């Protein structure tokens, strides 16, 4: 009977150890599942990050193109302004000469009538 009790105790101990091993294995599988889920989330975040980086690159490229076009427009407008300013200065000079000529003609006309 002692042998049976000893065998029972050993079998019970072995079954307990097997149950504990199964529990650890089950927990490890759950952790593996968690790791797989985390890897999937990480991959999704990497894809989203790559998409955002591409958007930023495209926006930056568009912005640089727009800025370059605006800078060229500013240069063109400044050139036009310089040209118009020169024309205005010439017109003022001609206008001053015409005023002088008109004044001289009025004076000559006034002397001729007097």
PDB file of N, CA and C in Angstrom:
ATOM      1  N   UNK A   1       0.830  -1.179   0.000  1.00  0.00           N
ATOM      2  CA  UNK A   1       0.000   0.000   0.000  1.00  0.00           C
ATOM      3  C   UNK A   1       0.873   1.240   0.000  1.00  0.00           C
ATOM      4  N   UNK A   2       1.977   1.177   0.681  1.00  0.00           N
ATOM      5  CA  UNK A   2       2.900   2.297   0.700  1.00  0.00           C
ATOM      6  C   UNK A   2       3.429   2.594  -0.677  1.00  0.00           C
ATOM      7  N   UNK A   3       3.623   1.527  -1.463  1.00  0.00           N
ATOM      8  CA  UNK A   3       4.100   1.735  -2.823  1.00  0.00           C
ATOM      9  C   UNK A   3       3.056   2.457  -3.658  1.00  0.00           C
ATOM     10  N   UNK A   4       1.809   2.115  -3.450  1.00  0.00           N
ATOM     11  CA  UNK A   4       0.731   2.752  -4.207  1.00  0.00           C
ATOM     12  C   UNK A   4       0.621   4.216  -3.817  1.00  0.00           C
ATOM     13  N   UNK A   5       0.722   4.493  -2.528  1.00  0.00           N
ATOM     14  CA  UNK A   5       0.657   5.881  -2.065  1.00  0.00           C
ATOM     15  C   UNK A   5       1.818   6.673  -2.638  1.00  0.00           C
ATOM     16  N   UNK A   6       2.991   6.062  -2.640  1.00  0.00           N
ATOM     17  CA  UNK A   6       4.172   6.735  -3.198  1.00  0.00           C
ATOM     18  C   UNK A   6       3.987   6.988  -4.695  1.00  0.00           C
ATOM     19  N   UNK A   7       3.479   5.985  -5.404  1.00  0.00           N
ATOM     20  CA  UNK A   7       3.223   6.147  -6.841  1.00  0.00           C
ATOM     21  C   UNK A   7       2.168   7.227  -7.085  1.00  0.00           C
ATOM     22  N   UNK A   8       1.125   7.208  -6.242  1.00  0.00           N
ATOM     23  CA  UNK A   8       0.074   8.228  -6.364  1.00  0.00           C
ATOM     24  C   UNK A   8       0.657   9.618  -6.174  1.00  0.00           C
ATOM     25  N   UNK A   9       1.496   9.759  -5.148  1.00  0.00           N
ATOM     26  CA  UNK A   9       2.129  11.047  -4.861  1.00  0.00           C
ATOM     27  C   UNK A   9       3.015  11.471  -6.033  1.00  0.00           C
ATOM     28  N   UNK A  10       3.779  10.548  -6.573  1.00  0.00           N
ATOM     29  CA  UNK A  10       4.669  10.870  -7.691  1.00  0.00           C
ATOM     30  C   UNK A  10       3.870  11.223  -8.950  1.00  0.00           C
ATOM     31  N   UNK A  11       2.794  10.466  -9.191  1.00  0.00           N
ATOM     32  CA  UNK A  11       1.950  10.745 -10.362  1.00  0.00           C
ATOM     33  C   UNK A  11       1.274  12.102 -10.203  1.00  0.00           C
ATOM     34  N   UNK A  12       0.779  12.386  -9.002  1.00  0.00           N
ATOM     35  CA  UNK A  12       0.145  13.684  -8.733  1.00  0.00           C
ATOM     36  C   UNK A  12       1.157  14.807  -8.935  1.00  0.00           C
ATOM     37  N   UNK A  13       2.363  14.626  -8.435  1.00  0.00           N
ATOM     38  CA  UNK A  13       3.418  15.633  -8.621  1.00  0.00           C
ATOM     39  C   UNK A  13       3.748  15.833 -10.096  1.00  0.00           C
ATOM     40  N   UNK A  14       3.818  14.712 -10.824  1.00  0.00           N
ATOM     41  CA  UNK A  14       4.116  14.799 -12.260  1.00  0.00           C
ATOM     42  C   UNK A  14       2.987  15.515 -13.000  1.00  0.00           C
ATOM     43  N   UNK A  15       1.748  15.195 -12.623  1.00  0.00           N
ATOM     44  CA  UNK A  15       0.603  15.864 -13.257  1.00  0.00           C
ATOM     45  C   UNK A  15       0.595  17.361 -12.933  1.00  0.00           C
ATOM     46  N   UNK A  16       0.941  17.713 -11.683  1.00  0.00           N
ATOM     47  CA  UNK A  16       1.015  19.130 -11.303  1.00  0.00           C
ATOM     48  C   UNK A  16       2.088  19.854 -12.122  1.00  0.00           C
ATOM     49  N   UNK A  17       3.258  19.193 -12.253  1.00  0.00           N
ATOM     50  CA  UNK A  17       4.335  19.807 -13.043  1.00  0.00           C
ATOM     51  C   UNK A  17       3.922  19.946 -14.510  1.00  0.00           C
ATOM     52  N   UNK A  18       3.214  18.957 -15.034  1.00  0.00           N
ATOM     53  CA  UNK A  18       2.742  19.015 -16.421  1.00  0.00           C
ATOM     54  C   UNK A  18       1.728  20.151 -16.581  1.00  0.00           C
ATOM     55  N   UNK A  19       0.845  20.309 -15.598  1.00  0.00           N
ATOM     56  CA  UNK A  19      -0.149  21.385 -15.646  1.00  0.00           C
ATOM     57  C   UNK A  19       0.539  22.746 -15.604  1.00  0.00           C
ATOM     58  N   UNK A  20       1.563  22.860 -14.744  1.00  0.00           N
ATOM     59  CA  UNK A  20       2.313  24.120 -14.667  1.00  0.00           C
ATOM     60  C   UNK A  20       3.030  24.408 -15.990  1.00  0.00           C
ATOM     61  N   UNK A  21       3.589  23.354 -16.580  1.00  0.00           N
ATOM     62  CA  UNK A  21       4.273  23.524 -17.869  1.00  0.00           C
ATOM     63  C   UNK A  21       3.282  23.966 -18.940  1.00  0.00           C
ATOM     64  N   UNK A  22       2.082  23.385 -18.916  1.00  0.00           N
ATOM     65  CA  UNK A  22       1.048  23.789 -19.876  1.00  0.00           C
ATOM     66  C   UNK A  22       0.639  25.242 -19.650  1.00  0.00           C
ATOM     67  N   UNK A  23       0.523  25.642 -18.384  1.00  0.00           N
ATOM     68  CA  UNK A  23       0.183  27.031 -18.068  1.00  0.00           C
ATOM     69  C   UNK A  23       1.257  27.984 -18.600  1.00  0.00           C
ATOM     70  N   UNK A  24       2.533  27.617 -18.388  1.00  0.00           N
ATOM     71  CA  UNK A  24       3.629  28.461 -18.889  1.00  0.00           C
ATOM     72  C   UNK A  24       3.617  28.513 -20.414  1.00  0.00           C
ATOM     73  N   UNK A  25       3.359  27.365 -21.031  1.00  0.00           N
ATOM     74  CA  UNK A  25       3.309  27.306 -22.488  1.00  0.00           C
ATOM     75  C   UNK A  25       2.165  28.159 -23.018  1.00  0.00           C
ATOM     76  N   UNK A  26       1.026  28.075 -22.347  1.00  0.00           N
ATOM     77  CA  UNK A  26      -0.131  28.875 -22.743  1.00  0.00           C
ATOM     78  C   UNK A  26       0.176  30.361 -22.600  1.00  0.00           C
ATOM     79  N   UNK A  27       0.820  30.737 -21.496  1.00  0.00           N
ATOM     80  CA  UNK A  27       1.190  32.142 -21.276  1.00  0.00           C
ATOM     81  C   UNK A  27       2.185  32.597 -22.335  1.00  0.00           C
ATOM     82  N   UNK A  28       3.123  31.718 -22.673  1.00  0.00           N
ATOM     83  CA  UNK A  28       4.112  32.064 -23.702  1.00  0.00           C
ATOM     84  C   UNK A  28       3.429  32.266 -25.050  1.00  0.00           C
ATOM     85  N   UNK A  29       2.432  31.429 -25.340  1.00  0.00           N
ATOM     86  CA  UNK A  29       1.691  31.586 -26.598  1.00  0.00           C
ATOM     87  C   UNK A  29       0.932  32.912 -26.615  1.00  0.00           C
ATOM     88  N   UNK A  30       0.343  33.266 -25.475  1.00  0.00           N
ATOM     89  CA  UNK A  30      -0.360  34.547 -25.395  1.00  0.00           C
ATOM     90  C   UNK A  30       0.613  35.696 -25.610  1.00  0.00           C
ATOM     91  N   UNK A  31       1.798  35.597 -24.999  1.00  0.00           N
ATOM     92  CA  UNK A  31       2.805  36.642 -25.184  1.00  0.00           C
ATOM     93  C   UNK A  31       3.251  36.700 -26.635  1.00  0.00           C
ATOM     94  N   UNK A  32       3.388  35.535 -27.252  1.00  0.00           N
ATOM     95  CA  UNK A  32       3.756  35.497 -28.667  1.00  0.00           C
ATOM     96  C   UNK A  32       2.666  36.163 -29.493  1.00  0.00           C
ATOM     97  N   UNK A  33       1.427  35.904 -29.124  1.00  0.00           N
ATOM     98  CA  UNK A  33       0.309  36.561 -29.810  1.00  0.00           C
ATOM     99  C   UNK A  33       0.370  38.064 -29.611  1.00  0.00           C
ATOM    100  N   UNK A  34       0.697  38.493 -28.384  1.00  0.00           N
ATOM    101  CA  UNK A  34       0.844  39.920 -28.107  1.00  0.00           C
ATOM    102  C   UNK A  34       1.990  40.502 -28.926  1.00  0.00           C
ATOM    103  N   UNK A  35       3.089  39.760 -28.999  1.00  0.00           N
ATOM    104  CA  UNK A  35       4.241  40.235 -29.774  1.00  0.00           C
ATOM    105  C   UNK A  35       3.874  40.341 -31.245  1.00  0.00           C
ATOM    106  N   UNK A  36       3.149  39.331 -31.744  1.00  0.00           N
ATOM    107  CA  UNK A  36       2.723  39.382 -33.145  1.00  0.00           C
ATOM    108  C   UNK A  36       1.808  40.578 -33.394  1.00  0.00           C
ATOM    109  N   UNK A  37       0.911  40.834 -32.447  1.00  0.00           N
ATOM    110  CA  UNK A  37       0.015  41.989 -32.584  1.00  0.00           C
ATOM    111  C   UNK A  37       0.813  43.286 -32.553  1.00  0.00           C
ATOM    112  N   UNK A  38       1.798  43.344 -31.660  1.00  0.00           N
ATOM    113  CA  UNK A  38       2.633  44.548 -31.581  1.00  0.00           C
ATOM    114  C   UNK A  38       3.444  44.735 -32.861  1.00  0.00           C
ATOM    115  N   UNK A  39       3.951  43.629 -33.411  1.00  0.00           N
ATOM    116  CA  UNK A  39       4.696  43.719 -34.670  1.00  0.00           C
ATOM    117  C   UNK A  39       3.795  44.228 -35.790  1.00  0.00           C
ATOM    118  N   UNK A  40       2.558  43.738 -35.811  1.00  0.00           N
ATOM    119  CA  UNK A  40       1.611  44.189 -36.830  1.00  0.00           C
ATOM    120  C   UNK A  40       1.322  45.683 -36.662  1.00  0.00           C
ATOM    121  N   UNK A  41       1.142  46.124 -35.420  1.00  0.00           N
ATOM    122  CA  UNK A  41       0.914  47.549 -35.161  1.00  0.00           C
ATOM    123  C   UNK A  41       2.124  48.378 -35.571  1.00  0.00           C
ATOM    124  N   UNK A  42       3.320  47.866 -35.257  1.00  0.00           N
ATOM    125  CA  UNK A  42       4.549  48.568 -35.628  1.00  0.00           C
ATOM    126  C   UNK A  42       4.662  48.684 -37.146  1.00  0.00           C
ATOM    127  N   UNK A  43       4.348  47.604 -37.848  1.00  0.00           N
ATOM    128  CA  UNK A  43       4.385  47.646 -39.313  1.00  0.00           C
ATOM    129  C   UNK A  43       3.383  48.662 -39.854  1.00  0.00           C
ATOM    130  N   UNK A  44       2.187  48.690 -39.256  1.00  0.00           N
ATOM    131  CA  UNK A  44       1.173  49.656 -39.691  1.00  0.00           C
ATOM    132  C   UNK A  44       1.654  51.082 -39.445  1.00  0.00           C
ATOM    133  N   UNK A  45       2.287  51.307 -38.303  1.00  0.00           N
ATOM    134  CA  UNK A  45       2.816  52.643 -37.996  1.00  0.00           C
ATOM    135  C   UNK A  45       3.939  53.018 -38.958  1.00  0.00           C
ATOM    136  N   UNK A  46       4.759  52.047 -39.319  1.00  0.00           N
ATOM    137  CA  UNK A  46       5.834  52.323 -40.281  1.00  0.00           C
ATOM    138  C   UNK A  46       5.265  52.718 -41.636  1.00  0.00           C
ATOM    139  N   UNK A  47       4.219  52.023 -42.060  1.00  0.00           N
ATOM    140  CA  UNK A  47       3.572  52.363 -43.333  1.00  0.00           C
ATOM    141  C   UNK A  47       2.981  53.768 -43.256  1.00  0.00           C
ATOM    142  N   UNK A  48       2.286  54.057 -42.159  1.00  0.00           N
ATOM    143  CA  UNK A  48       1.696  55.391 -41.990  1.00  0.00           C
ATOM    144  C   UNK A  48       2.784  56.454 -41.966  1.00  0.00           C
ATOM    145  N   UNK A  49       3.887  56.177 -41.286  1.00  0.00           N
ATOM    146  CA  UNK A  49       5.001  57.122 -41.217  1.00  0.00           C
ATOM    147  C   UNK A  49       5.590  57.356 -42.603  1.00  0.00           C
ATOM    148  N   UNK A  50       5.756  56.289 -43.370  1.00  0.00           N
ATOM    149  CA  UNK A  50       6.294  56.427 -44.731  1.00  0.00           C
ATOM    150  C   UNK A  50       5.361  57.271 -45.594  1.00  0.00           C
ATOM    151  N   UNK A  51       4.059  57.064 -45.441  1.00  0.00           N
ATOM    152  CA  UNK A  51       3.089  57.859 -46.201  1.00  0.00           C
ATOM    153  C   UNK A  51       3.174  59.330 -45.806  1.00  0.00           C
ATOM    154  N   UNK A  52       3.281  59.592 -44.513  1.00  0.00           N
ATOM    155  CA  UNK A  52       3.388  60.977 -44.050  1.00  0.00           C
ATOM    156  C   UNK A  52       4.677  61.624 -44.546  1.00  0.00           C
ATOM    157  N   UNK A  53       5.771  60.876 -44.519  1.00  0.00           N
ATOM    158  CA  UNK A  53       7.035  61.417 -45.020  1.00  0.00           C
ATOM    159  C   UNK A  53       6.933  61.748 -46.505  1.00  0.00           C
ATOM    160  N   UNK A  54       6.246  60.916 -47.264  1.00  0.00           N
ATOM    161  CA  UNK A  54       6.059  61.178 -48.696  1.00  0.00           C
ATOM    162  C   UNK A  54       5.210  62.430 -48.900  1.00  0.00           C
ATOM    163  N   UNK A  55       4.166  62.581 -48.083  1.00  0.00           N
ATOM    164  CA  UNK A  55       3.330  63.781 -48.176  1.00  0.00           C
ATOM    165  C   UNK A  55       4.140  65.034 -47.865  1.00  0.00           C
ATOM    166  N   UNK A  56       4.948  64.959 -46.805  1.00  0.00           N
ATOM    167  CA  UNK A  56       5.784  66.104 -46.420  1.00  0.00           C
ATOM    168  C   UNK A  56       6.747  66.446 -47.551  1.00  0.00           C
ATOM    169  N   UNK A  57       7.354  65.419 -48.160  1.00  0.00           N
ATOM    170  CA  UNK A  57       8.291  65.646 -49.255  1.00  0.00           C
ATOM    171  C   UNK A  57       7.585  66.326 -50.433  1.00  0.00           C
ATOM    172  N   UNK A  58       6.385  65.840 -50.767  1.00  0.00           N
ATOM    173  CA  UNK A  58       5.634  66.419 -51.879  1.00  0.00           C
ATOM    174  C   UNK A  58       5.246  67.869 -51.578  1.00  0.00           C
ATOM    175  N   UNK A  59       4.805  68.132 -50.355  1.00  0.00           N
ATOM    176  CA  UNK A  59       4.430  69.498 -49.974  1.00  0.00           C
ATOM    177  C   UNK A  59       5.646  70.411 -50.011  1.00  0.00           C
ATOM    178  N   UNK A  60       6.761  69.920 -49.514  1.00  0.00           N
ATOM    179  CA  UNK A  60       7.985  70.722 -49.506  1.00  0.00           C
ATOM    180  C   UNK A  60       8.430  71.033 -50.932  1.00  0.00           C
ATOM    181  N   UNK A  61       8.351  70.033 -51.805  1.00  0.00           N
ATOM    182  CA  UNK A  61       8.728  70.237 -53.205  1.00  0.00           C
ATOM    183  C   UNK A  61       7.816  71.271 -53.863  1.00  0.00           C
ATOM    184  N   UNK A  62       6.519  71.156 -53.608  1.00  0.00           N
ATOM    185  CA  UNK A  62       5.561  72.107 -54.173  1.00  0.00           C
ATOM    186  C   UNK A  62       5.828  73.509 -53.632  1.00  0.00           C
ATOM    187  N   UNK A  63       6.116  73.595 -52.347  1.00  0.00           N
ATOM    188  CA  UNK A  63       6.392  74.890 -51.723  1.00  0.00           C
ATOM    189  C   UNK A  63       7.640  75.516 -52.335  1.00  0.00           C
ATOM    190  N   UNK A  64       8.683  74.711 -52.529  1.00  0.00           N
ATOM    191  CA  UNK A  64       9.915  75.234 -53.120  1.00  0.00           C
ATOM    192  C   UNK A  64       9.665  75.736 -54.541  1.00  0.00           C
ATOM    193  N   UNK A  65       8.858  75.004 -55.299  1.00  0.00           N
ATOM    194  CA  UNK A  65       8.523  75.420 -56.658  1.00  0.00           C
ATOM    195  C   UNK A  65       7.735  76.727 -56.633  1.00  0.00           C
ATOM    196  N   UNK A  66       6.776  76.821 -55.722  1.00  0.00           N
ATOM    197  CA  UNK A  66       5.965  78.031 -55.607  1.00  0.00           C
ATOM    198  C   UNK A  66       6.823  79.219 -55.194  1.00  0.00           C
ATOM    199  N   UNK A  67       7.703  79.026 -54.239  1.00  0.00           N
ATOM    200  CA  UNK A  67       8.578  80.109 -53.780  1.00  0.00           C
ATOM    201  C   UNK A  67       9.479  80.572 -54.922  1.00  0.00           C
ATOM    202  N   UNK A  68      10.023  79.626 -55.680  1.00  0.00           N
ATOM    203  CA  UNK A  68      10.889  79.993 -56.807  1.00  0.00           C
ATOM    204  C   UNK A  68      10.108  80.801 -57.840  1.00  0.00           C
ATOM    205  N   UNK A  69       8.871  80.391 -58.112  1.00  0.00           N
ATOM    206  CA  UNK A  69       8.041  81.126 -59.069  1.00  0.00           C
ATOM    207  C   UNK A  69       7.735  82.531 -58.549  1.00  0.00           C
ATOM    208  N   UNK A  70       7.440  82.643 -57.260  1.00  0.00           N
ATOM    209  CA  UNK A  70       7.151  83.954 -56.679  1.00  0.00           C
ATOM    210  C   UNK A  70       8.383  84.854 -56.692  1.00  0.00           C
ATOM    211  N   UNK A  71       9.543  84.272 -56.420  1.00  0.00           N
ATOM    212  CA  UNK A  71      10.776  85.064 -56.464  1.00  0.00           C
ATOM    213  C   UNK A  71      11.031  85.573 -57.881  1.00  0.00           C
ATOM    214  N   UNK A  72      10.793  84.729 -58.877  1.00  0.00           N
ATOM    215  CA  UNK A  72      10.961  85.149 -60.271  1.00  0.00           C
ATOM    216  C   UNK A  72       9.975  86.267 -60.610  1.00  0.00           C
ATOM    217  N   UNK A  73       8.759  86.157 -60.110  1.00  0.00           N
ATOM    218  CA  UNK A  73       7.745  87.193 -60.350  1.00  0.00           C
ATOM    219  C   UNK A  73       8.163  88.513 -59.705  1.00  0.00           C
ATOM    220  N   UNK A  74       8.718  88.456 -58.510  1.00  0.00           N
ATOM    221  CA  UNK A  74       9.193  89.666 -57.830  1.00  0.00           C
ATOM    222  C   UNK A  74      10.292  90.334 -58.650  1.00  0.00           C
ATOM    223  N   UNK A  75      11.227  89.531 -59.154  1.00  0.00           N
ATOM    224  CA  UNK A  75      12.305  90.084 -59.985  1.00  0.00           C
ATOM    225  C   UNK A  75      11.717  90.761 -61.219  1.00  0.00           C
ATOM    226  N   UNK A  76      10.755  90.086 -61.869  1.00  0.00           N
ATOM    227  CA  UNK A  76      10.122  90.651 -63.069  1.00  0.00           C
ATOM    228  C   UNK A  76       9.404  91.962 -62.743  1.00  0.00           C
ATOM    229  N   UNK A  77       8.685  91.991 -61.634  1.00  0.00           N
ATOM    230  CA  UNK A  77       7.956  93.202 -61.257  1.00  0.00           C
ATOM    231  C   UNK A  77       8.903  94.343 -60.891  1.00  0.00           C
ATOM    232  N   UNK A  78      10.016  94.026 -60.247  1.00  0.00           N
ATOM    233  CA  UNK A  78      11.001  95.064 -59.926  1.00  0.00           C
ATOM    234  C   UNK A  78      11.595  95.653 -61.199  1.00  0.00           C
ATOM    235  N   UNK A  79      11.880  94.790 -62.166  1.00  0.00           N
ATOM    236  CA  UNK A  79      12.395  95.274 -63.456  1.00  0.00           C
ATOM    237  C   UNK A  79      11.371  96.208 -64.106  1.00  0.00           C
ATOM    238  N   UNK A  80      10.115  95.796 -64.102  1.00  0.00           N
ATOM    239  CA  UNK A  80       9.055  96.630 -64.666  1.00  0.00           C
ATOM    240  C   UNK A  80       8.936  97.952 -63.934  1.00  0.00           C
ATOM    241  N   UNK A  81       9.061  97.916 -62.626  1.00  0.00           N
ATOM    242  CA  UNK A  81       8.977  99.133 -61.823  1.00  0.00           C
ATOM    243  C   UNK A  81      10.127 100.078 -62.149  1.00  0.00           C
ATOM    244  N   UNK A  82      11.333  99.524 -62.300  1.00  0.00           N
ATOM    245  CA  UNK A  82      12.484 100.361 -62.667  1.00  0.00           C
ATOM    246  C   UNK A  82      12.269 101.002 -64.035  1.00  0.00           C
ATOM    247  N   UNK A  83      11.751 100.210 -64.966  1.00  0.00           N
ATOM    248  CA  UNK A  83      11.482 100.741 -66.307  1.00  0.00           C
ATOM    249  C   UNK A  83      10.453 101.861 -66.235  1.00  0.00           C
ATOM    250  N   UNK A  84       9.359 101.625 -65.516  1.00  0.00           N
ATOM    251  CA  UNK A  84       8.304 102.643 -65.406  1.00  0.00           C
ATOM    252  C   UNK A  84       8.826 103.882 -64.683  1.00  0.00           C
ATOM    253  N   UNK A  85       9.655 103.678 -63.680  1.00  0.00           N
ATOM    254  CA  UNK A  85      10.216 104.810 -62.949  1.00  0.00           C
ATOM    255  C   UNK A  85      11.068 105.666 -63.884  1.00  0.00           C
ATOM    256  N   UNK A  86      11.866 105.015 -64.729  1.00  0.00           N
ATOM    257  CA  UNK A  86      12.672 105.760 -65.707  1.00  0.00           C
ATOM    258  C   UNK A  86      11.793 106.545 -66.666  1.00  0.00           C
ATOM    259  N   UNK A  87      10.705 105.922 -67.106  1.00  0.00           N
ATOM    260  CA  UNK A  87       9.779 106.599 -68.016  1.00  0.00           C
ATOM    261  C   UNK A  87       9.129 107.804 -67.335  1.00  0.00           C
ATOM    262  N   UNK A  88       8.741 107.637 -66.078  1.00  0.00           N
ATOM    263  CA  UNK A  88       8.137 108.752 -65.335  1.00  0.00           C
ATOM    264  C   UNK A  88       9.135 109.895 -65.195  1.00  0.00           C
ATOM    265  N   UNK A  89      10.386 109.579 -64.898  1.00  0.00           N
ATOM    266  CA  UNK A  89      11.408 110.628 -64.762  1.00  0.00           C
ATOM    267  C   UNK A  89      11.599 111.369 -66.087  1.00  0.00           C
ATOM    268  N   UNK A  90      11.629 110.633 -67.200  1.00  0.00           N
ATOM    269  CA  UNK A  90      11.760 111.283 -68.517  1.00  0.00           C
ATOM    270  C   UNK A  90      10.551 112.172 -68.803  1.00  0.00           C
ATOM    271  N   UNK A  91       9.360 111.682 -68.464  1.00  0.00           N
ATOM    272  CA  UNK A  91       8.155 112.481 -68.700  1.00  0.00           C
ATOM    273  C   UNK A  91       8.175 113.753 -67.852  1.00  0.00           C
ATOM    274  N   UNK A  92       8.637 113.667 -66.633  1.00  0.00           N
ATOM    275  CA  UNK A  92       8.727 114.855 -65.783  1.00  0.00           C
ATOM    276  C   UNK A  92       9.709 115.857 -66.379  1.00  0.00           C
ATOM    277  N   UNK A  93      10.822 115.321 -66.870  1.00  0.00           N
ATOM    278  CA  UNK A  93      11.821 116.201 -67.480  1.00  0.00           C
ATOM    279  C   UNK A  93      11.247 116.887 -68.718  1.00  0.00           C
ATOM    280  N   UNK A  94      10.582 116.114 -69.571  1.00  0.00           N
ATOM    281  CA  UNK A  94       9.965 116.685 -70.777  1.00  0.00           C
ATOM    282  C   UNK A  94       8.885 117.676 -70.377  1.00  0.00           C
ATOM    283  N   UNK A  95       8.115 117.356 -69.362  1.00  0.00           N
ATOM    284  CA  UNK A  95       7.064 118.244 -68.891  1.00  0.00           C
ATOM    285  C   UNK A  95       7.660 119.567 -68.400  1.00  0.00           C
ATOM    286  N   UNK A  96       8.771 119.484 -67.665  1.00  0.00           N
ATOM    287  CA  UNK A  96       9.447 120.704 -67.205  1.00  0.00           C
ATOM    288  C   UNK A  96       9.919 121.536 -68.395  1.00  0.00           C
ATOM    289  N   UNK A  97      10.475 120.870 -69.414  1.00  0.00           N
ATOM    290  CA  UNK A  97      10.924 121.586 -70.616  1.00  0.00           C
ATOM    291  C   UNK A  97       9.746 122.242 -71.326  1.00  0.00           C
ATOM    292  N   UNK A  98       8.630 121.525 -71.411  1.00  0.00           N
ATOM    293  CA  UNK A  98       7.438 122.097 -72.053  1.00  0.00           C
ATOM    294  C   UNK A  98       6.915 123.305 -71.275  1.00  0.00           C
ATOM    295  N   UNK A  99       6.946 123.237 -69.954  1.00  0.00           N
ATOM    296  CA  UNK A  99       6.516 124.384 -69.153  1.00  0.00           C
ATOM    297  C   UNK A  99       7.416 125.590 -69.425  1.00  0.00           C
ATOM    298  N   UNK A 100       8.712 125.314 -69.485  1.00  0.00           N
ATOM    299  CA  UNK A 100       9.654 126.409 -69.777  1.00  0.00           C
ATOM    300  C   UNK A 100       9.385 126.987 -71.159  1.00  0.00           C
ATOM    301  N   UNK A 101       9.173 126.105 -72.134  1.00  0.00           N
ATOM    302  CA  UNK A 101       8.888 126.570 -73.497  1.00  0.00           C
ATOM    303  C   UNK A 101       7.593 127.361 -73.536  1.00  0.00           C
ATOM    304  N   UNK A 102       6.576 126.874 -72.852  1.00  0.00           N
ATOM    305  CA  UNK A 102       5.294 127.586 -72.811  1.00  0.00           C
ATOM    306  C   UNK A 102       5.450 128.954 -72.158  1.00  0.00           C
ATOM    307  N   UNK A 103       6.224 128.980 -71.071  1.00  0.00           N
ATOM    308  CA  UNK A 103       6.445 130.261 -70.394  1.00  0.00           C
ATOM    309  C   UNK A 103       7.172 131.221 -71.325  1.00  0.00           C
ATOM    310  N   UNK A 104       8.171 130.708 -72.057  1.00  0.00           N
ATOM    311  CA  UNK A 104       8.907 131.568 -72.993  1.00  0.00           C
ATOM    312  C   UNK A 104       7.997 132.036 -74.113  1.00  0.00           C
ATOM    313  N   UNK A 105       7.155 131.164 -74.631  1.00  0.00           N
ATOM    314  CA  UNK A 105       6.219 131.543 -75.698  1.00  0.00           C
ATOM    315  C   UNK A 105       5.208 132.572 -75.200  1.00  0.00           C
ATOM    316  N   UNK A 106       4.717 132.402 -73.987  1.00  0.00           N
ATOM    317  CA  UNK A 106       3.772 133.374 -73.432  1.00  0.00           C
ATOM    318  C   UNK A 106       4.444 134.742 -73.294  1.00  0.00           C
ATOM    319  N   UNK A 107       5.669 134.689 -72.803  1.00  0.00           N
ATOM    320  CA  UNK A 107       6.397 135.950 -72.628  1.00  0.00           C
ATOM    321  C   UNK A 107       6.645 136.614 -73.986  1.00  0.00           C
ATOM    322  N   UNK A 108       7.051 135.819 -74.978  1.00  0.00           N
ATOM    323  CA  UNK A 108       7.289 136.367 -76.319  1.00  0.00           C
ATOM    324  C   UNK A 108       5.992 136.879 -76.909  1.00  0.00           C
ATOM    325  N   UNK A 109       4.926 136.156 -76.683  1.00  0.00           N
ATOM    326  CA  UNK A 109       3.624 136.560 -77.188  1.00  0.00           C
ATOM    327  C   UNK A 109       3.169 137.845 -76.507  1.00  0.00           C
ATOM    328  N   UNK A 110       3.409 137.916 -75.204  1.00  0.00           N
ATOM    329  CA  UNK A 110       3.021 139.111 -74.464  1.00  0.00           C
ATOM    330  C   UNK A 110       3.836 140.306 -74.936  1.00  0.00           C
ATOM    331  N   UNK A 111       5.094 140.126 -75.237  1.00  0.00           N
ATOM    332  CA  UNK A 111       5.935 141.226 -75.718  1.00  0.00           C
ATOM    333  C   UNK A 111       5.538 141.628 -77.133  1.00  0.00           C
ATOM    334  N   UNK A 112       5.123 140.652 -77.898  1.00  0.00           N
ATOM    335  CA  UNK A 112       4.701 140.949 -79.268  1.00  0.00           C
ATOM    336  C   UNK A 112       3.395 141.698 -79.308  1.00  0.00           C
ATOM    337  N   UNK A 113       2.553 141.518 -78.349  1.00  0.00           N
ATOM    338  CA  UNK A 113       1.263 142.188 -78.303  1.00  0.00           C
ATOM    339  C   UNK A 113       1.387 143.557 -77.673  1.00  0.00           C
ATOM    340  N   UNK A 114       2.377 143.730 -76.902  1.00  0.00           N
ATOM    341  CA  UNK A 114       2.494 144.982 -76.187  1.00  0.00           C
ATOM    342  C   UNK A 114       3.032 146.102 -76.986  1.00  0.00           C
TER     343      UNK A 114
END
